[in-house]
Amino acid sequence: MKMLELPIPEMVIFIFVIIVFITAAIVGILQLLAGGQKYKRFLWPLVLVAITLEAVLLIFRAVAIKAVPLTGLFESMVVLTIVFGLIYLFLNGAIQQVWFGSVMVWVILGMFMMAGTVAKPAAEAHVVAATPWAIAHGVTMILGGASTIFATASAFLYLLGNHRLKLKKVMQVLGRVPNIEKLEQMTLFGIRAGFILITIGLISGLGLIWLSKTGFFEWLTDWKVISIIAAWGMLGVILLLNRMLLLKGKARAYMTIAIFVLVLFAFILGSTLHDFSS
């Protein structure tokens, strides 16, 4: 695995984070099987420990590159998992359904394992990476990605709940997931937040193009840029059609999942102009 290329201290922290998240994921499964709150009290401290270790990992990176650790794909994906961990910690008390913690820890574990496939030793940051444009671009894109993933998780639960209700499996839905209307609201919230944040990210990206003295059309041939612009356009289409009352819940859910695929494709791309390390 790529994570074996990390320096020893970073690799040790990375392995500990995986162990903690796997433990949390197992607890999440037990919580779903139990159908209640019995195991919920163990998830919060496990996620807190994991994201604290991730923060330590980023501190190591920041010291190594002498810049904000958003210069590479690995660092960006670690920050994304921290954002999702913080979302869970803040919303844990407000959302009582047992699905919430279970789904969140599995999503975070999956993203962190994906980060391991692109892990590599820290490289010296490009001078552009220390500018406000780069920081704004990195932060808003990561938060936009997190919002999109949140919308996707809500859309998936909407489809799952809708399917089970059609099969008259009401007891498999009650108390485990929010009602259909709530899931639609959560999906729309994630879509709106993602559209706004990615819009800011694209605008700040134009500033990066200007600073890096790279041709605008050269950036437009970067598959990461193409994927993000396509996802942003689809988010805008969903909001427009929803405003015109022309989009049904199921269609919105499927379009949201398609957007997630585009965002995921953009995050896992290796060769890209977005590598601001040398």
C-alpha atoms as a PDB file:
ATOM      1  CA  MET A   1       0.000   0.000   0.000  1.00  0.00           C
ATOM      2  CA  LYS A   2       1.000   3.604  -0.593  1.00  0.00           C
ATOM      3  CA  MET A   3       0.831   4.336   3.125  1.00  0.00           C
ATOM      4  CA  LEU A   4       3.986   2.222   3.569  1.00  0.00           C
ATOM      5  CA  GLU A   5       5.854   5.026   1.806  1.00  0.00           C
ATOM      6  CA  LEU A   6       5.054   7.429   4.653  1.00  0.00           C
ATOM      7  CA  PRO A   7       7.722   8.355   7.212  1.00  0.00           C
ATOM      8  CA  ILE A   8       7.637   6.055  10.266  1.00  0.00           C
ATOM      9  CA  PRO A   9       5.889   8.541  12.666  1.00  0.00           C
ATOM     10  CA  GLU A  10       3.190   9.333  10.076  1.00  0.00           C
ATOM     11  CA  MET A  11       2.716   5.668   9.188  1.00  0.00           C
ATOM     12  CA  VAL A  12       2.276   4.727  12.877  1.00  0.00           C
ATOM     13  CA  ILE A  13      -0.341   7.465  13.338  1.00  0.00           C
ATOM     14  CA  PHE A  14      -2.068   6.418  10.107  1.00  0.00           C
ATOM     15  CA  ILE A  15      -2.306   2.794  11.278  1.00  0.00           C
ATOM     16  CA  PHE A  16      -3.678   3.843  14.677  1.00  0.00           C
ATOM     17  CA  VAL A  17      -6.343   5.985  12.975  1.00  0.00           C
ATOM     18  CA  ILE A  18      -7.403   3.017  10.824  1.00  0.00           C
ATOM     19  CA  ILE A  19      -7.628   0.785  13.918  1.00  0.00           C
ATOM     20  CA  VAL A  20      -9.769   3.339  15.757  1.00  0.00           C
ATOM     21  CA  PHE A  21     -12.096   3.870  12.770  1.00  0.00           C
ATOM     22  CA  ILE A  22     -12.470   0.116  12.192  1.00  0.00           C
ATOM     23  CA  THR A  23     -13.378  -0.264  15.862  1.00  0.00           C
ATOM     24  CA  ALA A  24     -15.929   2.549  15.484  1.00  0.00           C
ATOM     25  CA  ALA A  25     -17.334   0.916  12.340  1.00  0.00           C
ATOM     26  CA  ILE A  26     -17.803  -2.398  14.198  1.00  0.00           C
ATOM     27  CA  VAL A  27     -19.539  -0.552  17.029  1.00  0.00           C
ATOM     28  CA  GLY A  28     -21.753   1.100  14.382  1.00  0.00           C
ATOM     29  CA  ILE A  29     -22.807  -2.303  13.046  1.00  0.00           C
ATOM     30  CA  LEU A  30     -23.561  -3.553  16.563  1.00  0.00           C
ATOM     31  CA  GLN A  31     -25.647  -0.408  17.135  1.00  0.00           C
ATOM     32  CA  LEU A  32     -27.732  -1.089  14.023  1.00  0.00           C
ATOM     33  CA  LEU A  33     -28.184  -4.750  14.916  1.00  0.00           C
ATOM     34  CA  ALA A  34     -29.244  -3.823  18.448  1.00  0.00           C
ATOM     35  CA  GLY A  35     -31.680  -1.261  17.024  1.00  0.00           C
ATOM     36  CA  GLY A  36     -31.189   1.179  19.871  1.00  0.00           C
ATOM     37  CA  GLN A  37     -28.823   3.489  21.735  1.00  0.00           C
ATOM     38  CA  LYS A  38     -26.892   0.816  23.632  1.00  0.00           C
ATOM     39  CA  TYR A  39     -23.599   1.284  21.732  1.00  0.00           C
ATOM     40  CA  LYS A  40     -24.005   4.938  20.778  1.00  0.00           C
ATOM     41  CA  ARG A  41     -21.992   6.205  23.763  1.00  0.00           C
ATOM     42  CA  PHE A  42     -18.859   4.459  22.435  1.00  0.00           C
ATOM     43  CA  LEU A  43     -18.904   6.074  18.981  1.00  0.00           C
ATOM     44  CA  TRP A  44     -18.388   9.695  20.056  1.00  0.00           C
ATOM     45  CA  PRO A  45     -15.084   9.142  21.943  1.00  0.00           C
ATOM     46  CA  LEU A  46     -13.762   6.810  19.221  1.00  0.00           C
ATOM     47  CA  VAL A  47     -14.373   9.388  16.482  1.00  0.00           C
ATOM     48  CA  LEU A  48     -12.868  12.124  18.678  1.00  0.00           C
ATOM     49  CA  VAL A  49      -9.693  10.080  19.205  1.00  0.00           C
ATOM     50  CA  ALA A  50      -9.427   9.340  15.479  1.00  0.00           C
ATOM     51  CA  ILE A  51      -9.761  12.929  14.260  1.00  0.00           C
ATOM     52  CA  THR A  52      -7.351  14.106  16.982  1.00  0.00           C
ATOM     53  CA  LEU A  53      -4.762  11.657  15.638  1.00  0.00           C
ATOM     54  CA  GLU A  54      -5.481  12.898  12.117  1.00  0.00           C
ATOM     55  CA  ALA A  55      -4.881  16.476  13.288  1.00  0.00           C
ATOM     56  CA  VAL A  56      -1.505  15.370  14.687  1.00  0.00           C
ATOM     57  CA  LEU A  57      -0.706  13.793  11.308  1.00  0.00           C
ATOM     58  CA  LEU A  58      -1.474  17.094   9.562  1.00  0.00           C
ATOM     59  CA  ILE A  59       0.715  18.965  12.055  1.00  0.00           C
ATOM     60  CA  PHE A  60       3.610  16.699  11.062  1.00  0.00           C
ATOM     61  CA  ARG A  61       2.860  17.563   7.434  1.00  0.00           C
ATOM     62  CA  ALA A  62       2.623  21.303   8.122  1.00  0.00           C
ATOM     63  CA  VAL A  63       6.022  21.273   9.850  1.00  0.00           C
ATOM     64  CA  ALA A  64       7.558  19.283   6.987  1.00  0.00           C
ATOM     65  CA  ILE A  65       6.307  21.518   4.160  1.00  0.00           C
ATOM     66  CA  LYS A  66       6.248  24.787   6.159  1.00  0.00           C
ATOM     67  CA  ALA A  67       2.805  25.625   4.778  1.00  0.00           C
ATOM     68  CA  VAL A  68      -0.887  24.909   5.307  1.00  0.00           C
ATOM     69  CA  PRO A  69      -1.228  21.136   4.673  1.00  0.00           C
ATOM     70  CA  LEU A  70      -3.543  21.354   1.667  1.00  0.00           C
ATOM     71  CA  THR A  71      -0.898  21.089  -1.031  1.00  0.00           C
ATOM     72  CA  GLY A  72      -1.439  17.451  -1.976  1.00  0.00           C
ATOM     73  CA  LEU A  73      -4.244  14.959  -2.543  1.00  0.00           C
ATOM     74  CA  PHE A  74      -3.369  12.950   0.579  1.00  0.00           C
ATOM     75  CA  GLU A  75      -3.558  15.969   2.880  1.00  0.00           C
ATOM     76  CA  SER A  76      -6.825  17.128   1.299  1.00  0.00           C
ATOM     77  CA  MET A  77      -8.473  13.738   1.844  1.00  0.00           C
ATOM     78  CA  VAL A  78      -7.313  13.633   5.481  1.00  0.00           C
ATOM     79  CA  VAL A  79      -8.811  17.099   6.024  1.00  0.00           C
ATOM     80  CA  LEU A  80     -12.046  15.874   4.396  1.00  0.00           C
ATOM     81  CA  THR A  81     -12.306  12.984   6.876  1.00  0.00           C
ATOM     82  CA  ILE A  82     -11.671  15.401   9.765  1.00  0.00           C
ATOM     83  CA  VAL A  83     -14.492  17.630   8.498  1.00  0.00           C
ATOM     84  CA  PHE A  84     -16.849  14.656   8.439  1.00  0.00           C
ATOM     85  CA  GLY A  85     -15.719  13.619  11.903  1.00  0.00           C
ATOM     86  CA  LEU A  86     -16.476  17.103  13.223  1.00  0.00           C
ATOM     87  CA  ILE A  87     -19.897  17.070  11.513  1.00  0.00           C
ATOM     88  CA  TYR A  88     -20.658  13.828  13.347  1.00  0.00           C
ATOM     89  CA  LEU A  89     -19.462  15.182  16.702  1.00  0.00           C
ATOM     90  CA  PHE A  90     -21.555  18.363  16.380  1.00  0.00           C
ATOM     91  CA  LEU A  91     -24.735  16.683  15.122  1.00  0.00           C
ATOM     92  CA  ASN A  92     -24.552  13.551  17.251  1.00  0.00           C
ATOM     93  CA  GLY A  93     -26.710  14.988  20.017  1.00  0.00           C
ATOM     94  CA  ALA A  94     -29.280  16.485  17.644  1.00  0.00           C
ATOM     95  CA  ILE A  95     -29.862  13.403  15.467  1.00  0.00           C
ATOM     96  CA  GLN A  96     -31.074  10.532  17.600  1.00  0.00           C
ATOM     97  CA  GLN A  97     -31.651   7.906  14.902  1.00  0.00           C
ATOM     98  CA  VAL A  98     -29.272   4.937  15.166  1.00  0.00           C
ATOM     99  CA  TRP A  99     -28.385   5.099  11.451  1.00  0.00           C
ATOM    100  CA  PHE A 100     -26.521   8.405  11.799  1.00  0.00           C
ATOM    101  CA  GLY A 101     -23.398   7.345  13.673  1.00  0.00           C
ATOM    102  CA  SER A 102     -23.236   3.990  11.910  1.00  0.00           C
ATOM    103  CA  VAL A 103     -23.352   5.501   8.416  1.00  0.00           C
ATOM    104  CA  MET A 104     -20.986   8.349   9.268  1.00  0.00           C
ATOM    105  CA  VAL A 105     -18.189   6.173  10.676  1.00  0.00           C
ATOM    106  CA  TRP A 106     -18.335   3.862   7.662  1.00  0.00           C
ATOM    107  CA  VAL A 107     -18.191   6.843   5.274  1.00  0.00           C
ATOM    108  CA  ILE A 108     -15.216   8.304   7.153  1.00  0.00           C
ATOM    109  CA  LEU A 109     -13.436   4.937   7.286  1.00  0.00           C
ATOM    110  CA  GLY A 110     -13.927   4.488   3.541  1.00  0.00           C
ATOM    111  CA  MET A 111     -12.533   7.954   2.760  1.00  0.00           C
ATOM    112  CA  PHE A 112      -9.542   7.460   5.072  1.00  0.00           C
ATOM    113  CA  MET A 113      -8.738   4.086   3.489  1.00  0.00           C
ATOM    114  CA  MET A 114      -8.873   5.802   0.086  1.00  0.00           C
ATOM    115  CA  ALA A 115      -6.446   8.425   1.399  1.00  0.00           C
ATOM    116  CA  GLY A 116      -4.053   5.573   2.153  1.00  0.00           C
ATOM    117  CA  THR A 117      -3.980   4.643  -1.544  1.00  0.00           C
ATOM    118  CA  VAL A 118      -2.571   8.068  -2.469  1.00  0.00           C
ATOM    119  CA  ALA A 119      -0.337   8.594   0.580  1.00  0.00           C
ATOM    120  CA  LYS A 120       3.218   9.706  -0.035  1.00  0.00           C
ATOM    121  CA  PRO A 121       5.959  11.542   1.901  1.00  0.00           C
ATOM    122  CA  ALA A 122       5.549  15.296   2.246  1.00  0.00           C
ATOM    123  CA  ALA A 123       7.107  17.351  -0.531  1.00  0.00           C
ATOM    124  CA  GLU A 124       8.164  20.978  -0.435  1.00  0.00           C
ATOM    125  CA  ALA A 125       5.161  23.183  -1.059  1.00  0.00           C
ATOM    126  CA  HIS A 126       4.954  25.278  -4.198  1.00  0.00           C
ATOM    127  CA  VAL A 127       5.079  29.011  -3.452  1.00  0.00           C
ATOM    128  CA  VAL A 128       1.492  29.349  -4.761  1.00  0.00           C
ATOM    129  CA  ALA A 129       0.271  27.008  -1.997  1.00  0.00           C
ATOM    130  CA  ALA A 130       0.958  29.599   0.699  1.00  0.00           C
ATOM    131  CA  THR A 131      -1.266  32.284  -0.870  1.00  0.00           C
ATOM    132  CA  PRO A 132      -4.777  33.208   0.346  1.00  0.00           C
ATOM    133  CA  TRP A 133      -6.144  32.045  -3.026  1.00  0.00           C
ATOM    134  CA  ALA A 134      -4.832  28.523  -2.440  1.00  0.00           C
ATOM    135  CA  ILE A 135      -6.074  28.387   1.146  1.00  0.00           C
ATOM    136  CA  ALA A 136      -9.542  29.641   0.162  1.00  0.00           C
ATOM    137  CA  HIS A 137      -9.643  27.230  -2.773  1.00  0.00           C
ATOM    138  CA  GLY A 138      -8.567  24.230  -0.702  1.00  0.00           C
ATOM    139  CA  VAL A 139     -10.892  24.904   2.234  1.00  0.00           C
ATOM    140  CA  THR A 140     -14.015  25.654   0.164  1.00  0.00           C
ATOM    141  CA  MET A 141     -13.466  22.682  -2.141  1.00  0.00           C
ATOM    142  CA  ILE A 142     -13.040  20.323   0.805  1.00  0.00           C
ATOM    143  CA  LEU A 143     -16.145  21.704   2.532  1.00  0.00           C
ATOM    144  CA  GLY A 144     -18.021  21.585  -0.784  1.00  0.00           C
ATOM    145  CA  GLY A 145     -17.020  17.947  -1.172  1.00  0.00           C
ATOM    146  CA  ALA A 146     -18.144  17.221   2.382  1.00  0.00           C
ATOM    147  CA  SER A 147     -21.517  18.882   1.716  1.00  0.00           C
ATOM    148  CA  THR A 148     -21.949  16.824  -1.438  1.00  0.00           C
ATOM    149  CA  ILE A 149     -21.150  13.592   0.417  1.00  0.00           C
ATOM    150  CA  PHE A 150     -23.630  14.571   3.137  1.00  0.00           C
ATOM    151  CA  ALA A 151     -26.292  15.145   0.465  1.00  0.00           C
ATOM    152  CA  THR A 152     -25.440  11.789  -1.115  1.00  0.00           C
ATOM    153  CA  ALA A 153     -25.753   9.918   2.179  1.00  0.00           C
ATOM    154  CA  SER A 154     -29.151  11.557   2.737  1.00  0.00           C
ATOM    155  CA  ALA A 155     -30.213  10.732  -0.839  1.00  0.00           C
ATOM    156  CA  PHE A 156     -29.188   7.084  -0.407  1.00  0.00           C
ATOM    157  CA  LEU A 157     -31.166   6.819   2.834  1.00  0.00           C
ATOM    158  CA  TYR A 158     -34.117   8.484   1.072  1.00  0.00           C
ATOM    159  CA  LEU A 159     -34.056   5.826  -1.663  1.00  0.00           C
ATOM    160  CA  LEU A 160     -33.610   3.052   0.888  1.00  0.00           C
ATOM    161  CA  GLY A 161     -36.452   4.315   3.099  1.00  0.00           C
ATOM    162  CA  ASN A 162     -38.726   4.876   0.102  1.00  0.00           C
ATOM    163  CA  HIS A 163     -38.038   1.352  -1.167  1.00  0.00           C
ATOM    164  CA  ARG A 164     -38.767  -0.257   2.198  1.00  0.00           C
ATOM    165  CA  LEU A 165     -41.953   1.726   2.644  1.00  0.00           C
ATOM    166  CA  LYS A 166     -43.163   0.500  -0.757  1.00  0.00           C
ATOM    167  CA  LEU A 167     -42.480  -3.059   0.415  1.00  0.00           C
ATOM    168  CA  LYS A 168     -44.470  -2.222   3.579  1.00  0.00           C
ATOM    169  CA  LYS A 169     -41.412  -2.840   5.786  1.00  0.00           C
ATOM    170  CA  VAL A 170     -42.335   0.071   8.023  1.00  0.00           C
ATOM    171  CA  MET A 171     -40.658  -1.311  11.151  1.00  0.00           C
ATOM    172  CA  GLN A 172     -37.301  -1.348   9.335  1.00  0.00           C
ATOM    173  CA  VAL A 173     -37.599   2.405   8.797  1.00  0.00           C
ATOM    174  CA  LEU A 174     -39.228   3.821  11.949  1.00  0.00           C
ATOM    175  CA  GLY A 175     -36.648   4.966  14.488  1.00  0.00           C
ATOM    176  CA  ARG A 176     -33.730   3.962  12.278  1.00  0.00           C
ATOM    177  CA  VAL A 177     -33.782   6.706   9.634  1.00  0.00           C
ATOM    178  CA  PRO A 178     -35.451  10.151   9.533  1.00  0.00           C
ATOM    179  CA  ASN A 179     -38.778  10.408   7.743  1.00  0.00           C
ATOM    180  CA  ILE A 180     -38.846  10.907   3.960  1.00  0.00           C
ATOM    181  CA  GLU A 181     -39.545  14.655   4.197  1.00  0.00           C
ATOM    182  CA  LYS A 182     -36.615  15.171   6.566  1.00  0.00           C
ATOM    183  CA  LEU A 183     -34.269  13.252   4.271  1.00  0.00           C
ATOM    184  CA  GLU A 184     -35.360  15.411   1.319  1.00  0.00           C
ATOM    185  CA  GLN A 185     -34.605  18.542   3.363  1.00  0.00           C
ATOM    186  CA  MET A 186     -31.183  17.174   4.351  1.00  0.00           C
ATOM    187  CA  THR A 187     -30.382  16.334   0.719  1.00  0.00           C
ATOM    188  CA  LEU A 188     -31.351  19.835  -0.435  1.00  0.00           C
ATOM    189  CA  PHE A 189     -29.322  21.434   2.352  1.00  0.00           C
ATOM    190  CA  GLY A 190     -26.225  19.506   1.274  1.00  0.00           C
ATOM    191  CA  ILE A 191     -26.836  20.409  -2.380  1.00  0.00           C
ATOM    192  CA  ARG A 192     -27.246  24.129  -1.632  1.00  0.00           C
ATOM    193  CA  ALA A 193     -24.184  24.221   0.636  1.00  0.00           C
ATOM    194  CA  GLY A 194     -22.142  22.265  -1.903  1.00  0.00           C
ATOM    195  CA  PHE A 195     -23.141  24.567  -4.763  1.00  0.00           C
ATOM    196  CA  ILE A 196     -22.235  27.736  -2.814  1.00  0.00           C
ATOM    197  CA  LEU A 197     -18.924  26.368  -1.530  1.00  0.00           C
ATOM    198  CA  ILE A 198     -17.832  24.934  -4.882  1.00  0.00           C
ATOM    199  CA  THR A 199     -18.760  28.240  -6.561  1.00  0.00           C
ATOM    200  CA  ILE A 200     -16.382  30.039  -4.184  1.00  0.00           C
ATOM    201  CA  GLY A 201     -13.817  27.324  -4.799  1.00  0.00           C
ATOM    202  CA  LEU A 202     -14.013  27.794  -8.571  1.00  0.00           C
ATOM    203  CA  ILE A 203     -13.675  31.581  -8.251  1.00  0.00           C
ATOM    204  CA  SER A 204     -10.610  31.226  -5.994  1.00  0.00           C
ATOM    205  CA  GLY A 205      -9.317  28.633  -8.476  1.00  0.00           C
ATOM    206  CA  LEU A 206      -9.259  31.372 -11.136  1.00  0.00           C
ATOM    207  CA  GLY A 207      -6.965  33.324  -8.812  1.00  0.00           C
ATOM    208  CA  LEU A 208      -4.699  30.281  -8.584  1.00  0.00           C
ATOM    209  CA  ILE A 209      -4.543  30.025 -12.372  1.00  0.00           C
ATOM    210  CA  TRP A 210      -3.456  33.654 -12.544  1.00  0.00           C
ATOM    211  CA  LEU A 211      -0.791  33.198  -9.838  1.00  0.00           C
ATOM    212  CA  SER A 212       0.601  29.971 -11.271  1.00  0.00           C
ATOM    213  CA  LYS A 213       0.928  31.579 -14.727  1.00  0.00           C
ATOM    214  CA  THR A 214      -0.628  28.466 -16.252  1.00  0.00           C
ATOM    215  CA  GLY A 215      -2.786  28.865 -19.329  1.00  0.00           C
ATOM    216  CA  PHE A 216      -6.527  28.927 -18.618  1.00  0.00           C
ATOM    217  CA  PHE A 217      -7.293  26.430 -21.386  1.00  0.00           C
ATOM    218  CA  GLU A 218      -4.580  24.111 -20.063  1.00  0.00           C
ATOM    219  CA  TRP A 219      -6.477  23.922 -16.753  1.00  0.00           C
ATOM    220  CA  LEU A 220      -9.684  23.178 -18.639  1.00  0.00           C
ATOM    221  CA  THR A 221      -8.075  19.983 -19.975  1.00  0.00           C
ATOM    222  CA  ASP A 222      -7.376  18.767 -16.421  1.00  0.00           C
ATOM    223  CA  TRP A 223      -9.837  15.948 -15.674  1.00  0.00           C
ATOM    224  CA  LYS A 224     -10.116  17.044 -12.041  1.00  0.00           C
ATOM    225  CA  VAL A 225     -11.272  20.505 -13.156  1.00  0.00           C
ATOM    226  CA  ILE A 226     -13.662  19.008 -15.719  1.00  0.00           C
ATOM    227  CA  SER A 227     -15.192  16.680 -13.093  1.00  0.00           C
ATOM    228  CA  ILE A 228     -15.689  19.456 -10.540  1.00  0.00           C
ATOM    229  CA  ILE A 229     -17.207  21.842 -13.102  1.00  0.00           C
ATOM    230  CA  ALA A 230     -19.574  19.077 -14.236  1.00  0.00           C
ATOM    231  CA  ALA A 231     -20.566  18.354 -10.602  1.00  0.00           C
ATOM    232  CA  TRP A 232     -21.066  22.081  -9.958  1.00  0.00           C
ATOM    233  CA  GLY A 233     -23.236  22.375 -13.071  1.00  0.00           C
ATOM    234  CA  MET A 234     -25.380  19.409 -11.991  1.00  0.00           C
ATOM    235  CA  LEU A 235     -25.823  20.935  -8.535  1.00  0.00           C
ATOM    236  CA  GLY A 236     -27.031  24.128 -10.189  1.00  0.00           C
ATOM    237  CA  VAL A 237     -29.421  22.187 -12.443  1.00  0.00           C
ATOM    238  CA  ILE A 238     -30.914  20.377  -9.434  1.00  0.00           C
ATOM    239  CA  LEU A 239     -31.489  23.670  -7.606  1.00  0.00           C
ATOM    240  CA  LEU A 240     -32.999  25.275 -10.718  1.00  0.00           C
ATOM    241  CA  LEU A 241     -35.350  22.361 -11.454  1.00  0.00           C
ATOM    242  CA  ASN A 242     -36.297  22.138  -7.793  1.00  0.00           C
ATOM    243  CA  ARG A 243     -37.133  25.848  -7.804  1.00  0.00           C
ATOM    244  CA  MET A 244     -39.370  25.273 -10.821  1.00  0.00           C
ATOM    245  CA  LEU A 245     -41.005  22.260  -9.096  1.00  0.00           C
ATOM    246  CA  LEU A 246     -39.944  20.032 -11.991  1.00  0.00           C
ATOM    247  CA  LEU A 247     -37.854  17.537 -10.021  1.00  0.00           C
ATOM    248  CA  LYS A 248     -39.201  14.615  -8.017  1.00  0.00           C
ATOM    249  CA  GLY A 249     -37.505  13.190  -4.946  1.00  0.00           C
ATOM    250  CA  LYS A 250     -36.217  10.015  -6.578  1.00  0.00           C
ATOM    251  CA  ALA A 251     -34.785  11.860  -9.583  1.00  0.00           C
ATOM    252  CA  ARG A 252     -33.084  14.337  -7.248  1.00  0.00           C
ATOM    253  CA  ALA A 253     -31.599  11.484  -5.221  1.00  0.00           C
ATOM    254  CA  TYR A 254     -30.196   9.711  -8.291  1.00  0.00           C
ATOM    255  CA  MET A 255     -28.728  12.960  -9.652  1.00  0.00           C
ATOM    256  CA  THR A 256     -27.107  13.618  -6.267  1.00  0.00           C
ATOM    257  CA  ILE A 257     -25.479  10.180  -6.308  1.00  0.00           C
ATOM    258  CA  ALA A 258     -24.212  10.878  -9.851  1.00  0.00           C
ATOM    259  CA  ILE A 259     -22.674  14.142  -8.582  1.00  0.00           C
ATOM    260  CA  PHE A 260     -20.968  12.208  -5.787  1.00  0.00           C
ATOM    261  CA  VAL A 261     -19.376   9.918  -8.393  1.00  0.00           C
ATOM    262  CA  LEU A 262     -17.977  12.975 -10.212  1.00  0.00           C
ATOM    263  CA  VAL A 263     -16.625  14.483  -6.971  1.00  0.00           C
ATOM    264  CA  LEU A 264     -15.125  11.141  -5.948  1.00  0.00           C
ATOM    265  CA  PHE A 265     -13.507  10.827  -9.387  1.00  0.00           C
ATOM    266  CA  ALA A 266     -12.008  14.302  -8.957  1.00  0.00           C
ATOM    267  CA  PHE A 267     -10.620  13.497  -5.501  1.00  0.00           C
ATOM    268  CA  ILE A 268      -8.959  10.213  -6.464  1.00  0.00           C
ATOM    269  CA  LEU A 269      -7.291  11.506  -9.648  1.00  0.00           C
ATOM    270  CA  GLY A 270      -3.549  11.288  -9.243  1.00  0.00           C
ATOM    271  CA  SER A 271      -1.920  13.163 -12.141  1.00  0.00           C
ATOM    272  CA  THR A 272      -3.309  16.679 -12.079  1.00  0.00           C
ATOM    273  CA  LEU A 273      -2.333  20.350 -12.159  1.00  0.00           C
ATOM    274  CA  HIS A 274      -3.697  20.537  -8.598  1.00  0.00           C
ATOM    275  CA  ASP A 275      -0.520  19.064  -7.120  1.00  0.00           C
ATOM    276  CA  PHE A 276       1.078  22.146  -5.544  1.00  0.00           C
ATOM    277  CA  SER A 277       4.121  20.306  -4.240  1.00  0.00           C
ATOM    278  CA  SER A 278       7.502  19.969  -5.894  1.00  0.00           C
END
